[in-house]
Amino acid sequence: MAELFDEKIALFKQKASSKEEALKILADEFMKKGVGKETFYDAILAREKTFATGLSCNNMCVAIPHTDPEHVNKVQLGFMTLEQPVDFIEMGTDDKHIGVTLIVMMALKEAHQQLDMLMKLMDVFQNDEVMDRLSKTNNFDELYTILKEVGLDNA
């Protein structure tokens, strides 16, 4: 599914003082590129409040924000690395705070795609070497090379 990367949404070493600010920066890129509808950012925030997306991996914490397909114009994954961690609630909890430094935002058109993509991303997140490389990348081509190596380019 190479279209997951058509718009090349990847922001590196961003500064954000909160989860909301980080999500806004990334969601704005989705909306600028026509991926998300006007409701996209608010829907991302609403879903985050109901279903936390923070995930503590071995060496780094990530978040996988996404929303329902009705807020999406086209399929896309977006990546953001942060200079400093921002506070997210850990997935599956109501109150465990973790410091996230990598955000992978999903815009998917069908509900079943979300579960499939989450499972694929979880495999990536469990690979310490890949996560280390992702945390150090600073351009889209390098990011895409890593994602191709782990099979996300045809997810």
Foldseek 3Di string as FASTA:
>chain_A
DLVQCVLVAEAEAAEDAAPLRVLVVSVVSCVVVVFFAPCFSVQQVVVCLVFPAWADEDPFIEGETEGAQVGTDDWYKHKYFHNWFHWTAHGPDNDRIDTHGMYIYTHDNDPVVVVVVVVLVVVQRHDPVLVVQVNPDHHSVSVVVSCVVSPVSPD
